[in-house]
Amino acid sequence: MSPGLTRLPLRLPLPKNERNSNWMNMRSPVLFSIDERRCRRMRIIYASLRILILILAVVVLPSMVVAAETICRGRLWYVTADNLRVPEREACILNGGHVKGTIKVEARATLRAYEVRVVGNVQAENARLVLINRAPRIGGSVQVKQGGSAMLLYSTVEGDVQFEANNNKLLVVNIDDPGVPFIFSNRLRANDNNVGGNVQVIGNQATVQIFRNVIGGNLHCKDNRPPLGGADNKVGGIKEYQCADF
């Protein structure tokens, strides 16, 4: 070695795996900082979503369930409901009120509705009794099928009235007639049903009486036993089959 020169330490190249490790160590603070910011943002988003879901579960969903359907057991006074259901074998008495959707009467259930406004339909299948008295307005239809008794008194129905395959005393009555049960003939006055659509009475094994209704469509009666009774109905369409003389 020449005088005055300083020996420099010999630097051997690092193995490949060590070079990679050192490179990662040099870059890791920056990468970790970016990842932490991303993770922090995701945690905030997830926390916000959880809070939103909790608010929906606590506030919105229960109100939706309550609004969807009201169960009627016993007596309800001036209730307002979106839809109303009478469960199987239960009895419901409605005094006044407003149903914005449909009334459904299940098997062997009883509905007595007095002065109730219904926007949609009244539907009953295999019901024991459906009595509708003095309904100011039923916006849809009244459908009673394969049940027991049905009584539509002094009411306005904008759609159709359908009584099919019932097997007990069936009445579409609006007159103090001897055939009407005592409670009705003595408590109610003559006041016509007003039906905007058709009245269809088909296949009933029941006593059917149809008196003094105003019907915008047809009056259709067929395959009922025993023979029907009726008179003084004003029909905008045609009277046919067993109701031809009504």
Foldseek 3Di string as FASTA:
>chain_A
DDPPDDDDDDDDDDDPVVVVVVVCVVCVVVVVVVVVVVVVVVVVVVVVVVVVVVCCVVPPVVVVVQQPEDEFAEEDEQEEHQEYEDDALGEYEYHEHEHNEEYEYEAQYYYHYEQYAYQEEYYYENYAEAEYEQHAEHNYEYEYEQYEEYEYEQYEYQYEYYYYAYEEAYEDDADLDPVDPPVDNPPHHRHAYEYNEEYEAEQYNYAYEHEQHEYAAEYYYYNYPPQYHYDNYHYNYAYDDSRRHD
